[in-house]
Amino acid sequence: MSEQLPILYTFRRCPYAMRARMGIYQSGLKVELREIVLRDKPAHMLEISPKGTVPVMLLKDGKVLDESLDILLYALNQNDPDNWLDCDNKSAKELVKENDTDFKKALDRYKYPTRYPNEDCSGARQYCEQYFKKLDTILKEQHYLCGKSISWTDIAIFPFVRQCANVDRNWFESLPYIHLKNWLEE
């Protein structure tokens, strides 16, 4: 009889799902990966998480995690071989909160302005650049967002920076934020 694994519903390009998968990969946690098609969400996924967003993880005990940070941190709490959880300071948490709120809002409006016809999205890219500047300033002083080594904070933020950078790669490459670019490349 095979062991029942936690089930992870995911979508390849979703930055939230990327951060969850990175935590799972790093921890070595075995899961049953179920890649979904966003326009055809599986009934089981919607049954366990009616909000219908990815990632969603169904644990062996029946508990459902449907927030990417919860999945990332759950996985690392199972096994954290490189001490990614050693970054537990207030500024790191605030940086991730800003990423997930104000920066994500600006990123969506920069990348998909037609989805917001009743909003002025013209300043969205400028907001993204200000966030990049903030990250670059931190990375000028230290190699990673929490210090000398990679942490959950870097993993929580990088998929969104990557997504924004790829909207217009020429624009991103023209920016003066060399520390941010090196961090993203790494």
Protein backbone atom coordinates (compact mmCIF):
# COMPACT_ATOMS: atom_id res chain seq x y z
CA MET A 1 0.00 0.00 0.00
CA SER A 2 1.42 3.40 -0.96
CA GLU A 3 1.80 6.23 1.50
CA GLN A 4 -0.79 9.00 1.22
CA LEU A 5 0.99 12.22 0.39
CA PRO A 6 -0.19 15.79 0.92
CA ILE A 7 -1.76 17.14 -2.27
CA LEU A 8 -0.56 20.45 -3.71
CA TYR A 9 -2.70 22.16 -6.32
CA THR A 10 -0.49 24.56 -8.22
CA PHE A 11 -0.10 26.57 -11.41
CA ARG A 12 3.35 26.75 -12.99
CA ARG A 13 3.58 30.52 -13.55
CA CYS A 14 1.79 31.75 -10.43
CA PRO A 15 4.26 33.58 -8.15
CA TYR A 16 2.33 32.50 -5.06
CA ALA A 17 2.54 28.87 -6.15
CA MET A 18 6.24 29.30 -6.95
CA ARG A 19 7.00 30.42 -3.42
CA ALA A 20 5.07 27.48 -1.99
CA ARG A 21 6.84 25.00 -4.28
CA MET A 22 10.23 26.47 -3.36
CA GLY A 23 9.55 25.87 0.33
CA ILE A 24 8.38 22.33 -0.37
CA TYR A 25 11.38 21.61 -2.55
CA GLN A 26 13.83 23.02 -0.02
CA SER A 27 12.30 21.06 2.83
CA GLY A 28 12.30 17.80 0.88
CA LEU A 29 8.63 17.31 1.73
CA LYS A 30 7.03 14.76 -0.56
CA VAL A 31 3.74 15.88 -2.08
CA GLU A 32 1.43 14.84 -4.86
CA LEU A 33 1.72 17.76 -7.27
CA ARG A 34 -1.43 18.58 -9.21
CA GLU A 35 -0.87 21.19 -11.89
CA ILE A 36 -4.15 22.88 -12.76
CA VAL A 37 -5.56 24.82 -15.68
CA LEU A 38 -6.92 28.07 -14.26
CA ARG A 39 -9.94 28.15 -16.55
CA ASP A 40 -10.85 24.57 -15.60
CA LYS A 41 -10.26 24.24 -11.86
CA PRO A 42 -10.67 20.75 -10.42
CA ALA A 43 -13.83 20.13 -8.40
CA HIS A 44 -11.81 18.63 -5.54
CA MET A 45 -9.67 21.77 -5.28
CA LEU A 46 -12.76 23.97 -5.15
CA GLU A 47 -14.34 21.66 -2.59
CA ILE A 48 -11.42 21.96 -0.18
CA SER A 49 -10.79 25.67 -0.92
CA PRO A 50 -13.81 27.47 -2.37
CA LYS A 51 -11.86 30.66 -3.03
CA GLY A 52 -10.38 28.84 -6.04
CA THR A 53 -6.86 30.24 -5.99
CA VAL A 54 -3.55 28.40 -6.03
CA PRO A 55 -1.62 27.15 -4.26
CA VAL A 56 -3.78 24.88 -2.13
CA MET A 57 -2.33 22.07 -0.07
CA LEU A 58 -4.36 19.30 1.51
CA LEU A 59 -2.39 17.74 4.36
CA LYS A 60 -2.61 14.07 5.32
CA ASP A 61 -4.66 14.97 8.41
CA GLY A 62 -7.26 16.77 6.27
CA LYS A 63 -6.13 20.30 7.12
CA VAL A 64 -6.11 22.69 4.17
CA LEU A 65 -3.48 25.37 3.63
CA ASP A 66 -4.57 27.84 0.97
CA GLU A 67 -2.13 30.69 1.50
CA SER A 68 1.29 30.45 -0.11
CA LEU A 69 3.17 31.78 2.92
CA ASP A 70 1.45 29.23 5.13
CA ILE A 71 2.55 26.45 2.78
CA LEU A 72 6.11 27.79 2.54
CA LEU A 73 6.43 28.08 6.31
CA TYR A 74 4.70 24.75 6.97
CA ALA A 75 7.16 22.95 4.70
CA LEU A 76 10.17 24.63 6.27
CA ASN A 77 8.89 23.85 9.75
CA GLN A 78 8.92 20.17 8.73
CA ASN A 79 12.55 20.38 7.62
CA ASP A 80 14.76 23.45 7.20
CA PRO A 81 18.16 22.11 6.10
CA ASP A 82 19.69 25.52 5.31
CA ASN A 83 18.04 27.48 8.13
CA TRP A 84 15.79 29.61 5.93
CA LEU A 85 13.59 30.25 8.95
CA ASP A 86 16.41 31.95 10.88
CA CYS A 87 15.13 35.28 9.60
CA ASP A 88 12.31 36.25 11.91
CA ASN A 89 12.70 39.97 12.27
CA LYS A 90 10.04 42.65 12.01
CA SER A 91 11.54 44.36 8.97
CA ALA A 92 11.57 41.10 6.99
CA LYS A 93 7.92 40.48 7.79
CA GLU A 94 7.06 44.06 6.81
CA LEU A 95 8.94 43.67 3.52
CA VAL A 96 6.96 40.54 2.67
CA LYS A 97 3.73 42.26 3.70
CA GLU A 98 4.52 45.21 1.41
CA ASN A 99 5.35 42.76 -1.39
CA ASP A 100 2.05 40.95 -0.98
CA THR A 101 -0.07 44.10 -0.75
CA ASP A 102 1.12 47.36 -2.30
CA PHE A 103 3.75 45.92 -4.64
CA LYS A 104 1.48 43.11 -5.86
CA LYS A 105 -1.31 45.61 -6.48
CA ALA A 106 1.04 47.81 -8.53
CA LEU A 107 2.47 44.78 -10.35
CA ASP A 108 -0.99 43.63 -11.41
CA ARG A 109 -1.87 47.09 -12.70
CA TYR A 110 1.44 47.41 -14.53
CA LYS A 111 1.22 43.95 -16.11
CA TYR A 112 -2.54 43.84 -16.76
CA PRO A 113 -3.82 47.45 -17.03
CA THR A 114 -6.79 46.38 -19.18
CA ARG A 115 -8.14 44.38 -16.22
CA TYR A 116 -8.62 47.68 -14.38
CA PRO A 117 -10.50 49.90 -16.85
CA ASN A 118 -11.86 52.16 -14.10
CA GLU A 119 -8.45 52.83 -12.57
CA ASP A 120 -5.54 55.01 -13.59
CA CYS A 121 -2.73 52.48 -13.85
CA SER A 122 -0.18 54.92 -15.25
CA GLY A 123 1.83 55.11 -12.00
CA ALA A 124 2.02 51.36 -11.40
CA ARG A 125 5.40 50.82 -13.02
CA GLN A 126 6.85 53.76 -11.09
CA TYR A 127 5.63 52.20 -7.83
CA CYS A 128 7.27 48.91 -8.81
CA GLU A 129 10.52 50.75 -9.43
CA GLN A 130 10.37 52.40 -6.01
CA TYR A 131 9.98 48.97 -4.43
CA PHE A 132 12.95 47.76 -6.48
CA LYS A 133 14.97 50.71 -5.20
CA LYS A 134 14.06 49.79 -1.62
CA LEU A 135 15.14 46.18 -2.15
CA ASP A 136 18.34 47.28 -3.88
CA THR A 137 19.22 49.52 -0.93
CA ILE A 138 18.88 46.56 1.43
CA LEU A 139 20.86 44.30 -0.89
CA LYS A 140 23.64 46.88 -1.19
CA GLU A 141 24.34 46.36 2.51
CA GLN A 142 23.91 42.59 2.64
CA HIS A 143 23.84 39.72 0.17
CA TYR A 144 20.24 38.68 0.94
CA LEU A 145 17.16 40.42 2.27
CA CYS A 146 17.73 39.10 5.79
CA GLY A 147 21.50 39.10 5.95
CA LYS A 148 24.34 36.89 4.83
CA SER A 149 22.31 33.88 3.75
CA ILE A 150 19.15 33.14 1.85
CA SER A 151 15.95 33.01 3.89
CA TRP A 152 12.23 32.49 3.54
CA THR A 153 11.99 36.25 2.94
CA ASP A 154 13.99 36.03 -0.30
CA ILE A 155 11.90 33.08 -1.44
CA ALA A 156 8.65 34.86 -0.57
CA ILE A 157 9.58 37.93 -2.63
CA PHE A 158 11.65 36.79 -5.61
CA PRO A 159 8.81 35.29 -7.74
CA PHE A 160 7.05 38.66 -7.77
CA VAL A 161 10.20 40.62 -8.62
CA ARG A 162 10.86 38.08 -11.39
CA GLN A 163 7.33 38.48 -12.74
CA CYS A 164 7.61 42.26 -12.76
CA ALA A 165 11.07 42.18 -14.37
CA ASN A 166 9.74 39.99 -17.17
CA VAL A 167 6.88 42.32 -18.13
CA ASP A 168 9.41 44.50 -19.96
CA ARG A 169 12.89 43.02 -19.64
CA ASN A 170 14.51 45.95 -21.47
CA TRP A 171 13.04 48.38 -18.96
CA PHE A 172 14.16 46.24 -16.03
CA GLU A 173 17.68 45.85 -17.43
CA SER A 174 17.92 49.63 -17.88
CA LEU A 175 17.34 50.23 -14.17
CA PRO A 176 20.40 51.05 -12.02
CA TYR A 177 19.63 48.43 -9.34
CA ILE A 178 22.62 46.14 -9.79
CA HIS A 179 22.32 44.51 -6.35
CA LEU A 180 18.68 43.61 -7.00
CA LYS A 181 19.55 42.22 -10.43
CA ASN A 182 22.37 40.10 -9.00
CA TRP A 183 20.07 38.83 -6.23
CA LEU A 184 17.37 37.93 -8.75
CA GLU A 185 19.84 36.21 -11.03
CA GLU A 186 21.14 34.13 -8.13
